[in-house]
N, C-alpha and C. Protein backbone atom coordinates (compact mmCIF):
# COMPACT_ATOMS: atom_id res chain seq x y z
N MET A 1 0.80 -1.18 0.00
CA MET A 1 0.00 0.00 0.00
C MET A 1 0.86 1.26 0.00
N ALA A 2 1.95 1.22 0.75
CA ALA A 2 2.82 2.40 0.84
C ALA A 2 3.41 2.75 -0.52
N ASP A 3 3.76 1.71 -1.30
CA ASP A 3 4.31 1.97 -2.63
C ASP A 3 3.27 2.61 -3.54
N THR A 4 2.04 2.18 -3.42
CA THR A 4 0.97 2.74 -4.23
C THR A 4 0.76 4.21 -3.88
N GLU A 5 0.81 4.52 -2.60
CA GLU A 5 0.64 5.91 -2.15
C GLU A 5 1.82 6.77 -2.63
N ASN A 6 3.03 6.21 -2.58
CA ASN A 6 4.21 6.95 -3.04
C ASN A 6 4.13 7.22 -4.54
N VAL A 7 3.69 6.20 -5.30
CA VAL A 7 3.57 6.37 -6.74
C VAL A 7 2.51 7.42 -7.06
N ALA A 8 1.38 7.37 -6.34
CA ALA A 8 0.32 8.35 -6.56
C ALA A 8 0.81 9.75 -6.22
N GLU A 9 1.55 9.89 -5.15
CA GLU A 9 2.10 11.20 -4.75
C GLU A 9 3.10 11.70 -5.79
N LEU A 10 3.97 10.81 -6.27
CA LEU A 10 4.95 11.20 -7.28
C LEU A 10 4.26 11.60 -8.59
N ARG A 11 3.19 10.87 -8.97
CA ARG A 11 2.45 11.22 -10.18
C ARG A 11 1.78 12.59 -10.02
N SER A 12 1.28 12.86 -8.85
CA SER A 12 0.65 14.15 -8.57
C SER A 12 1.68 15.28 -8.68
N GLN A 13 2.85 15.04 -8.11
CA GLN A 13 3.91 16.05 -8.18
C GLN A 13 4.40 16.25 -9.62
N LEU A 14 4.48 15.11 -10.38
CA LEU A 14 4.89 15.21 -11.77
C LEU A 14 3.88 16.01 -12.58
N GLU A 15 2.59 15.76 -12.36
CA GLU A 15 1.55 16.50 -13.06
C GLU A 15 1.60 17.99 -12.71
N GLN A 16 1.82 18.29 -11.45
CA GLN A 16 1.94 19.69 -11.02
C GLN A 16 3.16 20.35 -11.69
N ALA A 17 4.29 19.63 -11.77
CA ALA A 17 5.50 20.17 -12.41
C ALA A 17 5.25 20.42 -13.90
N ARG A 18 4.49 19.51 -14.54
CA ARG A 18 4.16 19.70 -15.95
C ARG A 18 3.31 20.96 -16.15
N ARG A 19 2.34 21.17 -15.27
CA ARG A 19 1.50 22.37 -15.39
C ARG A 19 2.34 23.64 -15.20
N ILE A 20 3.24 23.58 -14.23
CA ILE A 20 4.12 24.73 -14.00
C ILE A 20 5.00 24.96 -15.23
N ALA A 21 5.53 23.89 -15.83
CA ALA A 21 6.38 24.02 -17.01
C ALA A 21 5.60 24.64 -18.17
N VAL A 22 4.36 24.23 -18.37
CA VAL A 22 3.54 24.78 -19.45
C VAL A 22 3.28 26.27 -19.20
N THR A 23 2.96 26.62 -17.96
CA THR A 23 2.73 28.02 -17.61
C THR A 23 3.98 28.85 -17.84
N LEU A 24 5.13 28.35 -17.42
CA LEU A 24 6.39 29.07 -17.61
C LEU A 24 6.72 29.21 -19.09
N LYS A 25 6.43 28.18 -19.87
CA LYS A 25 6.69 28.25 -21.31
C LYS A 25 5.82 29.32 -21.96
N GLN A 26 4.57 29.41 -21.56
CA GLN A 26 3.67 30.44 -22.09
C GLN A 26 4.13 31.83 -21.68
N GLU A 27 4.50 31.99 -20.41
CA GLU A 27 4.98 33.29 -19.95
C GLU A 27 6.27 33.68 -20.67
N ASN A 28 7.16 32.70 -20.90
CA ASN A 28 8.41 32.97 -21.60
C ASN A 28 8.13 33.43 -23.03
N ALA A 29 7.17 32.78 -23.70
CA ALA A 29 6.82 33.19 -25.06
C ALA A 29 6.27 34.61 -25.08
N GLN A 30 5.44 34.96 -24.09
CA GLN A 30 4.90 36.32 -24.00
C GLN A 30 6.02 37.34 -23.79
N LEU A 31 6.96 37.00 -22.90
CA LEU A 31 8.08 37.92 -22.63
C LEU A 31 8.99 38.07 -23.85
N GLU A 32 9.22 36.98 -24.58
CA GLU A 32 10.03 37.08 -25.79
C GLU A 32 9.35 37.95 -26.84
N ALA A 33 8.03 37.81 -26.97
CA ALA A 33 7.29 38.64 -27.92
C ALA A 33 7.37 40.11 -27.51
N GLU A 34 7.27 40.38 -26.23
CA GLU A 34 7.37 41.76 -25.73
C GLU A 34 8.77 42.31 -25.96
N LEU A 35 9.78 41.48 -25.72
CA LEU A 35 11.16 41.90 -25.91
C LEU A 35 11.45 42.23 -27.36
N GLU A 36 10.90 41.47 -28.29
CA GLU A 36 11.12 41.71 -29.71
C GLU A 36 10.59 43.08 -30.15
N ARG A 37 9.60 43.56 -29.43
CA ARG A 37 9.05 44.89 -29.77
C ARG A 37 10.06 46.00 -29.51
N TYR A 38 11.01 45.78 -28.61
CA TYR A 38 11.91 46.85 -28.20
C TYR A 38 13.36 46.63 -28.61
N VAL A 39 13.84 45.41 -28.62
CA VAL A 39 15.25 45.15 -28.90
C VAL A 39 15.58 45.62 -30.32
N GLY A 40 16.64 46.36 -30.43
CA GLY A 40 17.06 46.88 -31.72
C GLY A 40 16.32 48.14 -32.13
N LYS A 41 15.37 48.57 -31.35
CA LYS A 41 14.59 49.76 -31.69
C LYS A 41 15.12 51.02 -31.00
N GLU A 42 15.94 50.84 -29.96
CA GLU A 42 16.44 52.00 -29.26
C GLU A 42 17.46 52.72 -30.13
N PRO A 43 17.50 54.04 -30.05
CA PRO A 43 18.40 54.80 -30.91
C PRO A 43 19.86 54.59 -30.52
N THR A 44 20.72 54.60 -31.51
CA THR A 44 22.16 54.49 -31.26
C THR A 44 22.70 55.89 -30.96
N VAL A 45 23.95 55.94 -30.55
CA VAL A 45 24.60 57.24 -30.32
C VAL A 45 24.60 58.04 -31.62
N ARG A 46 24.83 57.36 -32.73
CA ARG A 46 24.83 58.03 -34.03
C ARG A 46 23.46 58.63 -34.32
N ASP A 47 22.39 57.87 -34.04
CA ASP A 47 21.03 58.38 -34.25
C ASP A 47 20.76 59.61 -33.38
N GLU A 48 21.16 59.54 -32.12
CA GLU A 48 20.95 60.66 -31.20
C GLU A 48 21.74 61.89 -31.65
N MET A 49 22.97 61.69 -32.10
CA MET A 49 23.78 62.83 -32.54
C MET A 49 23.18 63.44 -33.80
N ALA A 50 22.68 62.61 -34.71
CA ALA A 50 22.05 63.13 -35.92
C ALA A 50 20.80 63.94 -35.55
N TYR A 51 20.03 63.44 -34.58
CA TYR A 51 18.83 64.17 -34.14
C TYR A 51 19.21 65.52 -33.54
N LEU A 52 20.23 65.53 -32.68
CA LEU A 52 20.66 66.79 -32.07
C LEU A 52 21.18 67.76 -33.13
N GLN A 53 21.88 67.24 -34.14
CA GLN A 53 22.37 68.11 -35.21
C GLN A 53 21.20 68.71 -35.99
N ARG A 54 20.17 67.90 -36.26
CA ARG A 54 18.99 68.43 -36.96
C ARG A 54 18.31 69.52 -36.13
N CYS A 55 18.24 69.31 -34.81
CA CYS A 55 17.63 70.32 -33.94
C CYS A 55 18.44 71.61 -33.98
N LEU A 56 19.75 71.49 -33.88
CA LEU A 56 20.62 72.67 -33.91
C LEU A 56 20.49 73.39 -35.25
N ASN A 57 20.47 72.63 -36.34
CA ASN A 57 20.31 73.24 -37.65
C ASN A 57 18.98 73.98 -37.76
N SER A 58 17.93 73.43 -37.18
CA SER A 58 16.62 74.10 -37.20
C SER A 58 16.67 75.42 -36.44
N VAL A 59 17.34 75.42 -35.31
CA VAL A 59 17.48 76.66 -34.52
C VAL A 59 18.24 77.70 -35.33
N LEU A 60 19.32 77.28 -35.96
CA LEU A 60 20.12 78.22 -36.76
C LEU A 60 19.33 78.72 -37.97
N GLU A 61 18.51 77.87 -38.57
CA GLU A 61 17.68 78.30 -39.70
C GLU A 61 16.67 79.37 -39.27
N VAL A 62 16.10 79.21 -38.07
CA VAL A 62 15.16 80.22 -37.57
C VAL A 62 15.89 81.55 -37.38
N CYS A 63 17.10 81.50 -36.84
CA CYS A 63 17.88 82.73 -36.68
C CYS A 63 18.19 83.36 -38.03
N ASP A 64 18.58 82.54 -39.00
CA ASP A 64 18.86 83.06 -40.35
C ASP A 64 17.63 83.69 -40.97
N LYS A 65 16.49 83.06 -40.79
CA LYS A 65 15.25 83.58 -41.37
C LYS A 65 14.90 84.93 -40.74
N ALA A 66 15.07 85.06 -39.42
CA ALA A 66 14.79 86.34 -38.76
C ALA A 66 15.72 87.42 -39.26
N ALA A 67 16.99 87.07 -39.45
CA ALA A 67 17.96 88.06 -39.95
C ALA A 67 17.63 88.45 -41.38
N THR A 68 17.25 87.49 -42.20
CA THR A 68 16.89 87.78 -43.60
C THR A 68 15.65 88.66 -43.67
N GLN A 69 14.65 88.35 -42.84
CA GLN A 69 13.43 89.16 -42.82
C GLN A 69 13.74 90.60 -42.45
N ALA A 70 14.66 90.79 -41.52
CA ALA A 70 14.98 92.15 -41.06
C ALA A 70 15.70 92.95 -42.14
N THR A 71 16.50 92.30 -42.94
CA THR A 71 17.33 93.03 -43.91
C THR A 71 16.77 93.02 -45.33
N ARG A 72 15.60 92.49 -45.53
CA ARG A 72 15.07 92.40 -46.90
C ARG A 72 14.43 93.68 -47.40
N TRP A 73 14.17 94.63 -46.55
CA TRP A 73 13.49 95.87 -46.95
C TRP A 73 14.48 96.87 -47.51
N GLU A 74 13.93 97.88 -48.15
CA GLU A 74 14.75 98.94 -48.70
C GLU A 74 15.53 99.64 -47.60
N ASN A 75 14.85 99.88 -46.48
CA ASN A 75 15.52 100.41 -45.28
C ASN A 75 15.57 99.27 -44.26
N PRO A 76 16.67 98.54 -44.23
CA PRO A 76 16.73 97.36 -43.37
C PRO A 76 16.52 97.68 -41.89
N LEU A 77 15.88 96.76 -41.23
CA LEU A 77 15.69 96.85 -39.79
C LEU A 77 16.87 96.15 -39.12
N PRO A 78 17.10 96.46 -37.86
CA PRO A 78 18.17 95.72 -37.18
C PRO A 78 17.74 94.26 -36.98
N VAL A 79 18.72 93.39 -37.00
CA VAL A 79 18.44 91.97 -36.74
C VAL A 79 17.96 91.85 -35.30
N PRO A 80 16.88 91.12 -35.06
CA PRO A 80 16.38 91.00 -33.69
C PRO A 80 17.46 90.51 -32.72
N GLU A 81 17.45 91.10 -31.54
CA GLU A 81 18.46 90.72 -30.53
C GLU A 81 18.39 89.25 -30.19
N TRP A 82 17.18 88.72 -30.14
CA TRP A 82 17.05 87.30 -29.76
C TRP A 82 17.73 86.40 -30.78
N ALA A 83 17.71 86.79 -32.06
CA ALA A 83 18.31 85.94 -33.09
C ALA A 83 19.82 85.84 -32.87
N THR A 84 20.43 86.96 -32.56
CA THR A 84 21.87 86.95 -32.30
C THR A 84 22.20 86.16 -31.04
N ALA A 85 21.41 86.39 -29.99
CA ALA A 85 21.65 85.68 -28.72
C ALA A 85 21.46 84.18 -28.88
N VAL A 86 20.41 83.79 -29.59
CA VAL A 86 20.15 82.35 -29.78
C VAL A 86 21.24 81.73 -30.65
N ARG A 87 21.66 82.43 -31.72
CA ARG A 87 22.72 81.91 -32.57
C ARG A 87 24.01 81.74 -31.76
N ASP A 88 24.35 82.74 -30.97
CA ASP A 88 25.56 82.64 -30.15
C ASP A 88 25.49 81.47 -29.19
N ALA A 89 24.33 81.28 -28.57
CA ALA A 89 24.18 80.16 -27.64
C ALA A 89 24.25 78.83 -28.37
N ALA A 90 23.63 78.75 -29.54
CA ALA A 90 23.61 77.50 -30.29
C ALA A 90 24.99 77.11 -30.80
N THR A 91 25.82 78.10 -31.11
CA THR A 91 27.17 77.82 -31.61
C THR A 91 28.21 77.79 -30.49
N GLY A 92 27.79 78.07 -29.26
CA GLY A 92 28.71 78.02 -28.13
C GLY A 92 29.49 79.29 -27.89
N GLU A 93 29.11 80.35 -28.55
CA GLU A 93 29.80 81.63 -28.38
C GLU A 93 29.12 82.45 -27.30
N HIS A 94 29.92 83.15 -26.52
CA HIS A 94 29.40 84.01 -25.46
C HIS A 94 30.14 85.35 -25.51
N PRO A 95 29.72 86.23 -26.41
CA PRO A 95 30.46 87.48 -26.58
C PRO A 95 30.38 88.41 -25.39
N ASP A 96 29.42 88.21 -24.50
CA ASP A 96 29.30 89.08 -23.33
C ASP A 96 30.46 88.90 -22.37
N ASN A 97 31.12 87.77 -22.43
CA ASN A 97 32.21 87.49 -21.51
C ASN A 97 33.40 86.92 -22.30
N PRO A 98 34.16 87.77 -22.98
CA PRO A 98 35.26 87.28 -23.81
C PRO A 98 36.37 86.60 -23.02
N ALA A 99 36.48 86.90 -21.71
CA ALA A 99 37.51 86.26 -20.91
C ALA A 99 37.12 84.83 -20.54
N ASP A 100 35.87 84.49 -20.77
CA ASP A 100 35.38 83.15 -20.46
C ASP A 100 36.11 82.12 -21.32
N LYS A 101 36.59 81.11 -20.69
CA LYS A 101 37.26 80.03 -21.44
C LYS A 101 36.18 79.07 -21.91
N ARG A 102 35.76 79.25 -23.12
CA ARG A 102 34.69 78.43 -23.68
C ARG A 102 35.23 77.05 -24.05
N ARG A 103 34.39 76.06 -23.81
CA ARG A 103 34.74 74.69 -24.16
C ARG A 103 33.74 74.17 -25.18
N ARG A 104 34.24 73.39 -26.07
CA ARG A 104 33.38 72.71 -27.02
C ARG A 104 33.75 71.24 -27.01
N ILE A 105 32.73 70.43 -27.08
CA ILE A 105 32.96 68.99 -27.16
C ILE A 105 32.46 68.55 -28.53
N TYR A 106 33.31 67.86 -29.24
CA TYR A 106 32.96 67.33 -30.55
C TYR A 106 32.78 65.82 -30.41
N ILE A 107 31.73 65.31 -31.00
CA ILE A 107 31.44 63.88 -30.92
C ILE A 107 31.24 63.36 -32.33
N ASP A 108 31.93 62.27 -32.64
CA ASP A 108 31.75 61.70 -33.98
C ASP A 108 30.64 60.65 -33.94
N GLY A 109 30.36 60.06 -35.07
CA GLY A 109 29.28 59.10 -35.19
C GLY A 109 29.52 57.79 -34.47
N ARG A 110 30.75 57.55 -34.03
CA ARG A 110 31.05 56.31 -33.30
C ARG A 110 30.99 56.51 -31.79
N GLY A 111 30.75 57.74 -31.35
CA GLY A 111 30.67 58.00 -29.92
C GLY A 111 31.97 58.45 -29.29
N ASP A 112 33.01 58.70 -30.10
CA ASP A 112 34.27 59.22 -29.57
C ASP A 112 34.14 60.73 -29.41
N ALA A 113 34.76 61.27 -28.37
CA ALA A 113 34.60 62.69 -28.06
C ALA A 113 35.96 63.37 -27.94
N TRP A 114 35.98 64.67 -28.32
CA TRP A 114 37.16 65.51 -28.22
C TRP A 114 36.77 66.81 -27.53
N LEU A 115 37.72 67.43 -26.84
CA LEU A 115 37.49 68.68 -26.13
C LEU A 115 38.36 69.77 -26.73
N SER A 116 37.77 70.93 -26.94
CA SER A 116 38.50 72.09 -27.46
C SER A 116 38.19 73.29 -26.58
N LEU A 117 39.21 74.02 -26.19
CA LEU A 117 39.03 75.27 -25.45
C LEU A 117 39.24 76.42 -26.41
N SER A 118 38.43 77.47 -26.30
CA SER A 118 38.49 78.58 -27.25
C SER A 118 39.84 79.30 -27.20
N HIS A 119 40.49 79.31 -26.04
CA HIS A 119 41.76 80.01 -25.94
C HIS A 119 42.94 79.12 -26.36
N ASP A 120 42.67 77.86 -26.63
CA ASP A 120 43.70 76.90 -26.98
C ASP A 120 43.29 76.21 -28.28
N ARG A 121 44.13 76.26 -29.28
CA ARG A 121 43.78 75.68 -30.58
C ARG A 121 43.93 74.15 -30.59
N ASN A 122 44.47 73.58 -29.53
CA ASN A 122 44.63 72.13 -29.48
C ASN A 122 43.31 71.45 -29.14
N ILE A 123 43.07 70.34 -29.79
CA ILE A 123 41.88 69.54 -29.49
C ILE A 123 42.37 68.27 -28.80
N GLN A 124 41.79 67.98 -27.63
CA GLN A 124 42.21 66.83 -26.85
C GLN A 124 41.18 65.71 -26.99
N TYR A 125 41.69 64.50 -27.20
CA TYR A 125 40.81 63.34 -27.28
C TYR A 125 40.36 62.98 -25.88
N ILE A 126 39.03 62.87 -25.68
CA ILE A 126 38.50 62.52 -24.37
C ILE A 126 38.34 61.00 -24.28
N GLY A 127 37.79 60.40 -25.31
CA GLY A 127 37.56 58.96 -25.33
C GLY A 127 36.13 58.67 -25.70
N PRO A 128 35.78 57.41 -25.62
CA PRO A 128 34.40 57.03 -25.99
C PRO A 128 33.42 57.47 -24.90
N LEU A 129 32.24 57.86 -25.31
CA LEU A 129 31.20 58.23 -24.36
C LEU A 129 30.63 56.97 -23.73
N ALA A 130 30.15 57.10 -22.51
CA ALA A 130 29.55 55.96 -21.83
C ALA A 130 28.35 55.45 -22.63
N GLY A 131 28.29 54.18 -22.84
CA GLY A 131 27.17 53.58 -23.55
C GLY A 131 27.32 53.58 -25.05
N ALA A 132 28.39 54.19 -25.57
CA ALA A 132 28.59 54.20 -27.02
C ALA A 132 29.17 52.86 -27.45
N LEU A 133 28.64 52.35 -28.53
CA LEU A 133 29.16 51.07 -29.05
C LEU A 133 29.82 51.28 -30.38
């Protein structure tokens, strides 16, 4: 009788393990499907840099358009102050404080970065940015 009870208990445990395995397999399939929606879809450093460059170009185009609008008349108007200030900020220039040691960081499409100081013509290699592949 004891053997019969042990076999019945083992069969019960085996059936429970099979149900758990089926449930885990279904959950794993759902998670893999969810993962496929995102993997490979995140932007690369190159994508992000291209986006930032497009944004900067758009800002500079707005400044150019404001300057063109001001000077297109027979008696040109002064270029709006905001256009000059925004252009200077977008290009990293700060004419209000010429003693300021301005820094620029250049980043290539591979995620490598260089540092340049306005008072120093040398460009120093910083290295790869964190997370750049």
